[in-house]
Amino acid sequence: MRRNRRPGVSARVLALVALGCMLGATAACKSDAAEPGGNVTIRFDWWGNPDRAEVTEKAVSLFEQKNPTIKVDTSYAEFNAYFQKLVTQVAGGGAPDVFQMDYRYVREYADRNQLAPLDNGPAKVDTSNITPQLLSGGTVNGKLFGIPPTQNTQVFSYDFAQWQSSGATAPSEGWTWANMQAATQKISDSTGGKVRGVGDFGGIEDWFEVWLRQQGKAIYTPEGKLGYTAADVEKWWQMTDGWRRSGASTPAELTTKMDGSQANDPVAQKLASSGFGYDSGFTAKSWEILGREFKLSGFPSDSGKLGQYVKPAMMFSIAQSSTKKEAAAKLINFLINDPEAGKILGMSRGLPANAKVREQVGSTLTGPPQVAFQYEQTIQPKLEQAPPPPPKGAGTVKSTFQRIYDDVIFARLTIPQAAAKFIGEAQQAISS
């Protein structure tokens, strides 16, 4: 019987990665150790909501049926809670055998010898049908440490019925940030502020990155340095803080609670009518969870450049400390390459990275996953290739960006002061 253990990434917790990785590097790395009766039990952890968990459990059950000597213990949590738990496990030398890895953290874990290479050795996985551009996102120093089961891209989603009833102009080809501000302001005004036009997005580095790319800049240079200045951060925060002050976006007391969970998402709480995210977040029960239907659009832009890119929605990695790498590799291989697994998982993690599975899944989708699939198919020609994995310390930079934005929205610092403080801490994080 498989056991399921259901449970913001703080800078303090992320600091434990270094300790955990040093511990992990000294752990024994033997071939798969069989248990009594010839069975092997592996652990598989991921982040996601109950909807994703339901289909993942079904796929894992099928894997166990096809591989009767391998048992899989599973666990999941919301994104921030997941990484807090993972870092704690790493620090204690008890990382799961297989776990989801985020694009922003893969280099940090790989550089500290915490991840097993997946392109050779006992943990090798078949990637022959995976989109080659996606594999670069999990490659560090020429070795593959993370395999994306799916791809996704950034998205703006909005409650089109409320936008229509409020008289807000819906997103369209070539819309600008000013167009978005006017539309979200109209939502807030028409509801007397009870529903804000958009969840405040100023503290989320992911959306800042798209805005930067629209101007030909990047979060990181090829050398792993910051690709922007305090002036860029200041300009971004001047814009988003202005939206909050006008009432177009959520107030500080709601914004500060946003941690990636549905429980603290103002859109899910019906306190905001739109928001930025990733299209992989639209699963079969999304409309049920959100309580209404949404339409999807690309980001607004003032330059004519979209700034979005094909992004590994997430990756599967294997712990270097695992003593059951062969069994772990079998599970990953099954989840990304098996047609039956693909049918079960659908779009629960985004558009399948395996070309054959993607074609199969796309033809059977309905509801929110079909909307997400159609959105990505439409926007695909405008998407750029993903940048290489960010440098060590990028996870800390991401959490610092959100933490210092709290100083802006609660007026603890002026925007120039906050931008300067952030740049100083960010440079320290990636150079230490």
Protein backbone atom coordinates (compact mmCIF):
# COMPACT_ATOMS: atom_id res chain seq x y z
CA MET A 1 0.00 0.00 0.00
CA ARG A 2 1.48 3.35 -0.98
CA ARG A 3 1.61 5.90 1.83
CA ASN A 4 0.74 9.52 1.05
CA ARG A 5 2.15 12.16 3.39
CA ARG A 6 0.31 15.40 2.72
CA PRO A 7 1.57 18.13 4.56
CA GLY A 8 7.15 31.51 1.65
CA VAL A 9 10.46 30.05 1.06
CA SER A 10 12.34 32.23 3.53
CA ALA A 11 15.95 33.31 3.09
CA ARG A 12 16.73 31.55 6.38
CA VAL A 13 15.38 28.26 5.08
CA LEU A 14 17.12 28.62 1.72
CA ALA A 15 20.38 29.12 3.56
CA LEU A 16 20.06 25.54 4.79
CA VAL A 17 20.56 24.31 1.22
CA ALA A 18 24.31 24.70 1.57
CA LEU A 19 24.42 22.57 4.70
CA GLY A 20 22.06 19.97 3.24
CA CYS A 21 24.07 19.68 0.07
CA MET A 22 27.29 19.19 1.97
CA LEU A 23 25.62 16.45 3.95
CA GLY A 24 24.13 14.93 0.82
CA ALA A 25 27.47 14.89 -0.94
CA THR A 26 28.84 12.58 1.71
CA ALA A 27 25.90 10.16 1.62
CA ALA A 28 26.40 6.67 0.24
CA CYS A 29 25.45 6.32 -3.42
CA LYS A 30 25.10 2.61 -3.99
CA SER A 31 23.10 0.71 -6.58
CA ASP A 32 19.46 -0.03 -5.80
CA ALA A 33 19.19 -1.74 -2.45
CA ALA A 34 16.46 -4.38 -2.47
CA GLU A 35 14.23 -4.94 0.53
CA PRO A 36 13.01 -8.32 1.79
CA GLY A 37 11.19 -10.11 -1.01
CA GLY A 38 13.15 -8.27 -3.70
CA ASN A 39 11.03 -5.10 -3.50
CA VAL A 40 12.30 -1.53 -3.62
CA THR A 41 10.52 1.47 -2.09
CA ILE A 42 11.24 4.97 -3.39
CA ARG A 43 9.98 8.37 -2.31
CA PHE A 44 8.45 10.86 -4.74
CA ASP A 45 7.61 14.43 -3.69
CA TRP A 46 6.07 17.24 -5.75
CA TRP A 47 4.28 20.56 -5.39
CA GLY A 48 0.75 21.20 -6.58
CA ASN A 49 -2.90 21.32 -5.60
CA PRO A 50 -5.28 18.44 -4.79
CA ASP A 51 -6.35 18.28 -8.45
CA ARG A 52 -2.76 17.57 -9.55
CA ALA A 53 -2.32 15.16 -6.66
CA GLU A 54 -5.34 13.11 -7.72
CA VAL A 55 -4.07 12.40 -11.24
CA THR A 56 -0.47 11.95 -10.07
CA GLU A 57 -1.57 9.29 -7.62
CA LYS A 58 -3.43 7.50 -10.42
CA ALA A 59 -0.35 7.57 -12.64
CA VAL A 60 1.88 6.32 -9.82
CA SER A 61 -0.57 3.49 -9.11
CA LEU A 62 -0.36 2.44 -12.76
CA PHE A 63 3.44 2.56 -12.54
CA GLU A 64 3.32 0.23 -9.53
CA GLN A 65 1.06 -2.16 -11.44
CA LYS A 66 3.53 -2.28 -14.32
CA ASN A 67 6.52 -2.49 -11.96
CA PRO A 68 5.32 -4.74 -9.11
CA THR A 69 8.70 -4.83 -7.35
CA ILE A 70 8.77 -1.03 -6.94
CA LYS A 71 6.64 0.76 -4.35
CA VAL A 72 6.31 4.55 -4.29
CA ASP A 73 5.69 6.70 -1.22
CA THR A 74 4.33 10.11 -2.25
CA SER A 75 3.98 13.56 -0.73
CA TYR A 76 2.92 16.97 -2.03
CA ALA A 77 2.39 20.54 -0.85
CA GLU A 78 1.84 24.03 -2.21
CA PHE A 79 4.92 25.56 -3.86
CA ASN A 80 6.40 27.57 -0.98
CA ALA A 81 5.64 24.94 1.64
CA TYR A 82 7.08 22.28 -0.66
CA PHE A 83 10.46 23.97 -0.99
CA GLN A 84 10.63 24.79 2.69
CA LYS A 85 10.13 21.11 3.41
CA LEU A 86 12.58 20.00 0.70
CA VAL A 87 15.34 22.25 2.02
CA THR A 88 14.78 20.85 5.51
CA GLN A 89 14.98 17.29 4.14
CA VAL A 90 18.17 18.11 2.28
CA ALA A 91 19.70 19.65 5.40
CA GLY A 92 18.91 16.44 7.29
CA GLY A 93 20.34 14.19 4.58
CA GLY A 94 16.91 12.73 3.78
CA ALA A 95 15.99 14.05 0.33
CA PRO A 96 13.31 12.12 -1.61
CA ASP A 97 14.59 9.79 -4.34
CA VAL A 98 12.53 11.60 -6.99
CA PHE A 99 11.31 15.16 -6.58
CA GLN A 100 10.07 18.10 -8.58
CA MET A 101 12.71 20.75 -9.13
CA ASP A 102 12.09 24.32 -10.16
CA TYR A 103 14.00 25.93 -13.03
CA ARG A 104 15.15 28.70 -10.70
CA TYR A 105 16.82 26.33 -8.24
CA VAL A 106 18.32 23.58 -10.41
CA ARG A 107 21.78 25.17 -10.76
CA GLU A 108 22.06 25.80 -7.03
CA TYR A 109 21.29 22.18 -6.17
CA ALA A 110 23.42 20.79 -9.02
CA ASP A 111 26.45 22.93 -8.20
CA ARG A 112 26.36 21.58 -4.66
CA ASN A 113 26.33 17.96 -5.89
CA GLN A 114 22.80 17.34 -4.63
CA LEU A 115 21.36 16.07 -7.94
CA ALA A 116 22.24 12.92 -9.88
CA PRO A 117 23.01 13.25 -13.63
CA LEU A 118 20.12 11.92 -15.72
CA ASP A 119 21.91 11.54 -19.05
CA ASN A 120 24.29 8.76 -17.96
CA GLY A 121 24.85 6.29 -15.16
CA PRO A 122 22.21 4.45 -13.08
CA ALA A 123 19.81 7.43 -13.16
CA LYS A 124 19.75 7.75 -16.96
CA VAL A 125 16.32 8.57 -18.44
CA ASP A 126 15.17 8.37 -22.07
CA THR A 127 14.79 11.93 -23.41
CA SER A 128 14.69 11.13 -27.13
CA ASN A 129 11.18 12.57 -27.59
CA ILE A 130 11.60 15.64 -25.34
CA THR A 131 11.76 19.09 -26.96
CA PRO A 132 15.54 19.78 -27.07
CA GLN A 133 15.15 23.47 -26.13
CA LEU A 134 13.53 22.43 -22.87
CA LEU A 135 16.40 20.17 -21.85
CA SER A 136 18.76 23.15 -21.81
CA GLY A 137 16.80 24.46 -18.84
CA GLY A 138 17.91 21.47 -16.74
CA THR A 139 21.48 21.28 -18.03
CA VAL A 140 24.32 22.57 -15.86
CA ASN A 141 27.95 22.41 -17.02
CA GLY A 142 27.02 20.01 -19.80
CA LYS A 143 25.19 17.51 -17.57
CA LEU A 144 21.44 16.97 -17.36
CA PHE A 145 20.12 17.29 -13.79
CA GLY A 146 16.46 18.06 -14.39
CA ILE A 147 14.04 16.68 -16.99
CA PRO A 148 10.93 18.76 -17.67
CA PRO A 149 7.85 16.56 -17.98
CA THR A 150 6.00 19.53 -19.42
CA GLN A 151 6.43 23.00 -20.81
CA ASN A 152 4.49 26.13 -20.05
CA THR A 153 4.62 29.87 -20.40
CA GLN A 154 3.50 32.95 -18.56
CA VAL A 155 -0.14 34.01 -18.87
CA PHE A 156 -2.57 36.75 -17.89
CA SER A 157 -5.97 35.31 -16.92
CA TYR A 158 -9.13 37.29 -16.31
CA ASP A 159 -12.78 36.79 -15.35
CA PHE A 160 -14.19 37.77 -18.75
CA ALA A 161 -17.80 37.88 -17.54
CA GLN A 162 -16.94 40.43 -14.86
CA TRP A 163 -14.78 42.40 -17.26
CA GLN A 164 -17.65 42.55 -19.72
CA SER A 165 -20.24 43.56 -17.12
CA SER A 166 -17.91 46.26 -15.78
CA GLY A 167 -17.27 47.68 -19.24
CA ALA A 168 -13.54 46.92 -19.07
CA THR A 169 -11.82 46.46 -22.42
CA ALA A 170 -10.59 42.88 -22.74
CA PRO A 171 -6.99 42.11 -23.69
CA SER A 172 -6.31 41.99 -27.42
CA GLU A 173 -3.39 41.81 -29.83
CA GLY A 174 -0.92 44.59 -29.04
CA TRP A 175 -2.45 45.71 -25.76
CA THR A 176 -0.25 47.82 -23.47
CA TRP A 177 0.39 48.22 -19.75
CA ALA A 178 -1.67 51.42 -19.86
CA ASN A 179 -4.54 49.46 -21.44
CA MET A 180 -4.33 46.94 -18.60
CA GLN A 181 -4.24 49.66 -15.95
CA ALA A 182 -7.34 51.32 -17.37
CA ALA A 183 -9.23 48.03 -17.56
CA THR A 184 -8.35 46.87 -14.04
CA GLN A 185 -9.17 50.32 -12.64
CA LYS A 186 -12.63 50.07 -14.22
CA ILE A 187 -13.20 46.69 -12.50
CA SER A 188 -12.28 48.13 -9.11
CA ASP A 189 -14.38 51.25 -9.60
CA SER A 190 -17.43 49.32 -10.79
CA THR A 191 -17.40 47.10 -7.68
CA GLY A 192 -16.68 49.89 -5.23
CA GLY A 193 -13.34 48.27 -4.46
CA LYS A 194 -14.90 45.02 -3.26
CA VAL A 195 -13.23 43.23 -6.17
CA ARG A 196 -9.94 44.68 -7.36
CA GLY A 197 -9.07 44.58 -11.03
CA VAL A 198 -5.88 42.55 -10.53
CA GLY A 199 -3.86 40.93 -7.79
CA ASP A 200 -0.82 43.12 -7.04
CA PHE A 201 2.00 41.55 -9.05
CA GLY A 202 4.80 43.97 -8.14
CA GLY A 203 6.63 41.62 -5.78
CA ILE A 204 6.79 38.62 -8.11
CA GLU A 205 10.14 38.41 -9.85
CA ASP A 206 8.74 36.18 -12.62
CA TRP A 207 6.50 38.94 -13.96
CA PHE A 208 9.25 41.55 -13.54
CA GLU A 209 11.41 39.28 -15.73
CA VAL A 210 8.88 39.34 -18.59
CA TRP A 211 8.67 43.14 -18.35
CA LEU A 212 12.50 43.32 -18.48
CA ARG A 213 12.67 41.04 -21.50
CA GLN A 214 10.20 43.28 -23.32
CA GLN A 215 12.91 45.94 -23.07
CA GLY A 216 15.69 43.65 -24.28
CA LYS A 217 17.08 42.99 -20.81
CA ALA A 218 17.35 39.84 -18.72
CA ILE A 219 17.23 38.79 -15.09
CA TYR A 220 20.77 37.38 -15.36
CA THR A 221 23.65 37.81 -17.79
CA PRO A 222 25.33 34.73 -19.33
CA GLU A 223 28.03 35.19 -16.67
CA GLY A 224 25.47 34.89 -13.87
CA LYS A 225 25.38 38.57 -12.91
CA LEU A 226 22.26 40.73 -12.53
CA GLY A 227 21.05 41.87 -15.94
CA TYR A 228 19.31 44.99 -14.64
CA THR A 229 19.88 47.94 -12.31
CA ALA A 230 18.20 49.60 -9.34
CA ALA A 231 16.68 52.07 -11.82
CA ASP A 232 14.83 49.20 -13.53
CA VAL A 233 13.47 47.91 -10.22
CA GLU A 234 12.48 51.43 -9.25
CA LYS A 235 10.57 51.95 -12.51
CA TRP A 236 8.73 48.63 -12.11
CA TRP A 237 7.75 49.33 -8.52
CA GLN A 238 6.68 52.89 -9.35
CA MET A 239 4.24 51.40 -11.85
CA THR A 240 2.84 48.64 -9.63
CA ASP A 241 2.70 50.81 -6.51
CA GLY A 242 0.73 53.39 -8.50
CA TRP A 243 -1.84 50.73 -9.41
CA ARG A 244 -2.22 49.79 -5.76
CA ARG A 245 -2.60 53.42 -4.68
CA SER A 246 -5.29 54.03 -7.31
CA GLY A 247 -7.17 50.90 -6.23
CA ALA A 248 -6.64 49.01 -9.50
CA SER A 249 -4.75 46.23 -7.67
CA THR A 250 -5.12 44.55 -4.30
CA PRO A 251 -4.34 46.41 -1.04
CA ALA A 252 -1.22 45.71 0.97
CA GLU A 253 -2.95 43.53 3.56
CA LEU A 254 -4.01 41.08 0.83
CA THR A 255 -0.84 41.32 -1.25
CA THR A 256 1.47 40.48 1.64
CA LYS A 257 -0.34 37.14 2.13
CA MET A 258 0.19 35.97 -1.46
CA ASP A 259 2.44 32.91 -1.18
CA GLY A 260 1.55 30.77 -4.18
CA SER A 261 -1.26 28.92 -2.40
CA GLN A 262 -4.90 29.02 -3.46
CA ALA A 263 -5.91 29.80 0.12
CA ASN A 264 -4.10 33.15 -0.09
CA ASP A 265 -4.76 33.93 -3.75
CA PRO A 266 -7.05 36.98 -4.07
CA VAL A 267 -8.29 35.69 -7.44
CA ALA A 268 -9.35 32.36 -5.93
CA GLN A 269 -10.94 34.29 -3.05
CA LYS A 270 -12.90 36.41 -5.57
CA LEU A 271 -11.21 39.53 -4.24
CA ALA A 272 -9.45 40.17 -7.56
CA SER A 273 -10.68 39.70 -11.11
CA SER A 274 -7.41 38.86 -12.86
CA GLY A 275 -3.80 37.94 -12.32
CA PHE A 276 -0.56 36.69 -13.81
CA GLY A 277 0.51 33.06 -13.64
CA TYR A 278 1.61 30.07 -15.68
CA ASP A 279 -0.70 28.20 -18.01
CA SER A 280 0.20 24.90 -16.31
CA GLY A 281 -1.87 26.10 -13.37
CA PHE A 282 -5.11 25.46 -15.27
CA THR A 283 -6.15 21.93 -14.41
CA ALA A 284 -9.40 20.03 -14.84
CA LYS A 285 -11.02 21.51 -11.72
CA SER A 286 -9.77 25.09 -12.08
CA TRP A 287 -13.18 26.59 -12.90
CA GLU A 288 -14.66 24.69 -9.97
CA ILE A 289 -11.91 25.91 -7.63
CA LEU A 290 -12.10 29.51 -8.86
CA GLY A 291 -15.89 29.56 -8.93
CA ARG A 292 -16.04 31.03 -12.46
CA GLU A 293 -14.46 30.70 -15.89
CA PHE A 294 -11.46 32.67 -17.13
CA LYS A 295 -9.97 33.64 -20.46
CA LEU A 296 -6.23 33.70 -21.10
CA SER A 297 -4.05 36.30 -22.76
CA GLY A 298 -0.42 37.13 -23.32
CA PHE A 299 1.21 39.89 -21.28
CA PRO A 300 0.68 43.55 -22.17
CA SER A 301 3.72 45.25 -23.69
CA ASP A 302 4.80 48.78 -24.52
CA SER A 303 7.57 47.70 -26.89
CA GLY A 304 5.74 45.32 -29.22
CA LYS A 305 7.92 42.50 -27.82
CA LEU A 306 6.04 39.90 -25.79
CA GLY A 307 8.94 38.92 -23.53
CA GLN A 308 7.53 35.48 -22.72
CA TYR A 309 9.40 32.22 -23.34
CA VAL A 310 8.99 28.47 -23.44
CA LYS A 311 9.68 27.47 -19.86
CA PRO A 312 10.07 24.08 -18.25
CA ALA A 313 6.91 24.03 -16.14
CA MET A 314 8.96 22.10 -13.59
CA MET A 315 11.53 19.32 -13.66
CA PHE A 316 11.95 15.86 -12.27
CA SER A 317 15.25 15.27 -10.51
CA ILE A 318 16.86 12.41 -8.62
CA ALA A 319 18.78 12.93 -5.39
CA GLN A 320 22.50 12.24 -5.63
CA SER A 321 22.19 10.64 -2.19
CA SER A 322 19.55 8.14 -3.39
CA THR A 323 20.55 4.49 -3.17
CA LYS A 324 17.71 3.56 -5.56
CA LYS A 325 18.57 5.55 -8.66
CA GLU A 326 17.56 2.87 -11.18
CA ALA A 327 14.07 2.56 -9.73
CA ALA A 328 13.83 6.34 -9.50
CA ALA A 329 14.82 6.67 -13.18
CA LYS A 330 12.15 4.12 -14.12
CA LEU A 331 9.50 6.25 -12.45
CA ILE A 332 10.57 9.43 -14.25
CA ASN A 333 10.81 7.57 -17.56
CA PHE A 334 7.28 6.28 -17.06
CA LEU A 335 5.79 9.65 -16.12
CA ILE A 336 7.23 11.47 -19.15
CA ASN A 337 7.18 8.79 -21.84
CA ASP A 338 4.39 6.29 -21.19
CA PRO A 339 1.24 7.01 -23.29
CA GLU A 340 -1.10 5.70 -20.59
CA ALA A 341 0.56 7.89 -17.97
CA GLY A 342 0.26 10.84 -20.35
CA LYS A 343 -3.44 10.22 -20.73
CA ILE A 344 -3.93 10.19 -16.95
CA LEU A 345 -1.77 13.25 -16.22
CA GLY A 346 -3.16 15.31 -19.09
CA MET A 347 -2.32 19.00 -18.65
CA SER A 348 -1.98 18.75 -14.86
CA ARG A 349 1.61 19.99 -15.06
CA GLY A 350 1.39 21.85 -18.35
CA LEU A 351 1.78 20.88 -22.00
CA PRO A 352 3.63 17.51 -22.20
CA ALA A 353 7.28 17.91 -23.22
CA ASN A 354 7.22 14.54 -24.98
CA ALA A 355 6.12 15.31 -28.56
CA LYS A 356 4.19 12.05 -29.01
CA VAL A 357 2.40 12.35 -25.68
CA ARG A 358 1.66 16.04 -26.35
CA GLU A 359 -0.12 15.23 -29.60
CA GLN A 360 -2.13 12.49 -27.90
CA VAL A 361 -3.11 14.61 -24.91
CA GLY A 362 -4.02 17.68 -26.97
CA SER A 363 -6.65 15.78 -28.93
CA THR A 364 -8.55 14.67 -25.82
CA LEU A 365 -8.63 17.80 -23.64
CA THR A 366 -11.74 19.54 -22.37
CA GLY A 367 -12.45 22.37 -19.93
CA PRO A 368 -9.63 24.49 -18.45
CA PRO A 369 -6.81 22.25 -19.78
CA GLN A 370 -8.18 22.68 -23.31
CA VAL A 371 -8.27 26.47 -22.84
CA ALA A 372 -4.63 26.41 -21.67
CA PHE A 373 -3.60 24.14 -24.55
CA GLN A 374 -5.25 26.39 -27.12
CA TYR A 375 -3.69 29.47 -25.54
CA GLU A 376 -0.19 28.03 -25.78
CA GLN A 377 -0.72 26.82 -29.33
CA THR A 378 -1.81 30.35 -30.31
CA ILE A 379 1.02 32.15 -28.56
CA GLN A 380 3.76 29.65 -29.46
CA PRO A 381 5.14 31.59 -32.48
CA LYS A 382 5.90 34.58 -30.23
CA LEU A 383 7.66 32.63 -27.49
CA GLU A 384 11.42 32.79 -27.11
CA GLN A 385 13.81 30.07 -25.96
CA ALA A 386 14.27 29.80 -22.21
CA PRO A 387 17.41 31.37 -20.75
CA PRO A 388 19.97 29.04 -19.12
CA PRO A 389 19.45 28.06 -15.48
CA PRO A 390 20.04 31.04 -13.18
CA PRO A 391 23.07 31.18 -10.86
CA LYS A 392 23.41 29.94 -7.32
CA GLY A 393 21.49 32.22 -5.01
CA ALA A 394 18.69 32.92 -7.50
CA GLY A 395 16.14 31.41 -5.14
CA THR A 396 17.18 33.82 -2.43
CA VAL A 397 16.98 36.72 -4.89
CA LYS A 398 13.43 35.73 -5.81
CA SER A 399 12.24 35.65 -2.19
CA THR A 400 14.13 38.87 -1.40
CA PHE A 401 12.35 40.65 -4.26
CA GLN A 402 8.98 39.84 -2.70
CA ARG A 403 10.10 40.58 0.85
CA ILE A 404 11.40 44.04 0.03
CA TYR A 405 8.31 44.84 -2.02
CA ASP A 406 6.44 44.50 1.27
CA ASP A 407 8.54 47.44 2.49
CA VAL A 408 7.18 49.41 -0.48
CA ILE A 409 3.49 48.59 -0.07
CA PHE A 410 3.58 49.24 3.69
CA ALA A 411 5.58 52.46 3.14
CA ARG A 412 8.46 51.33 5.35
CA LEU A 413 10.88 52.45 2.63
CA THR A 414 10.63 54.81 -0.31
CA ILE A 415 10.78 53.11 -3.68
CA PRO A 416 14.34 54.35 -4.43
CA GLN A 417 15.46 53.13 -1.00
CA ALA A 418 13.78 49.74 -1.50
CA ALA A 419 15.26 49.30 -4.99
CA ALA A 420 18.76 50.09 -3.77
CA LYS A 421 18.36 47.75 -0.79
CA PHE A 422 17.17 44.95 -3.05
CA ILE A 423 20.05 45.30 -5.53
CA GLY A 424 22.57 45.18 -2.68
CA GLU A 425 21.07 42.01 -1.19
CA ALA A 426 20.62 40.39 -4.61
CA GLN A 427 24.24 40.94 -5.59
CA GLN A 428 25.37 39.52 -2.27
CA ALA A 429 23.14 36.43 -2.70
CA ILE A 430 24.56 35.45 -6.09
CA SER A 431 28.17 36.21 -5.20
CA SER A 432 28.38 34.42 -1.87
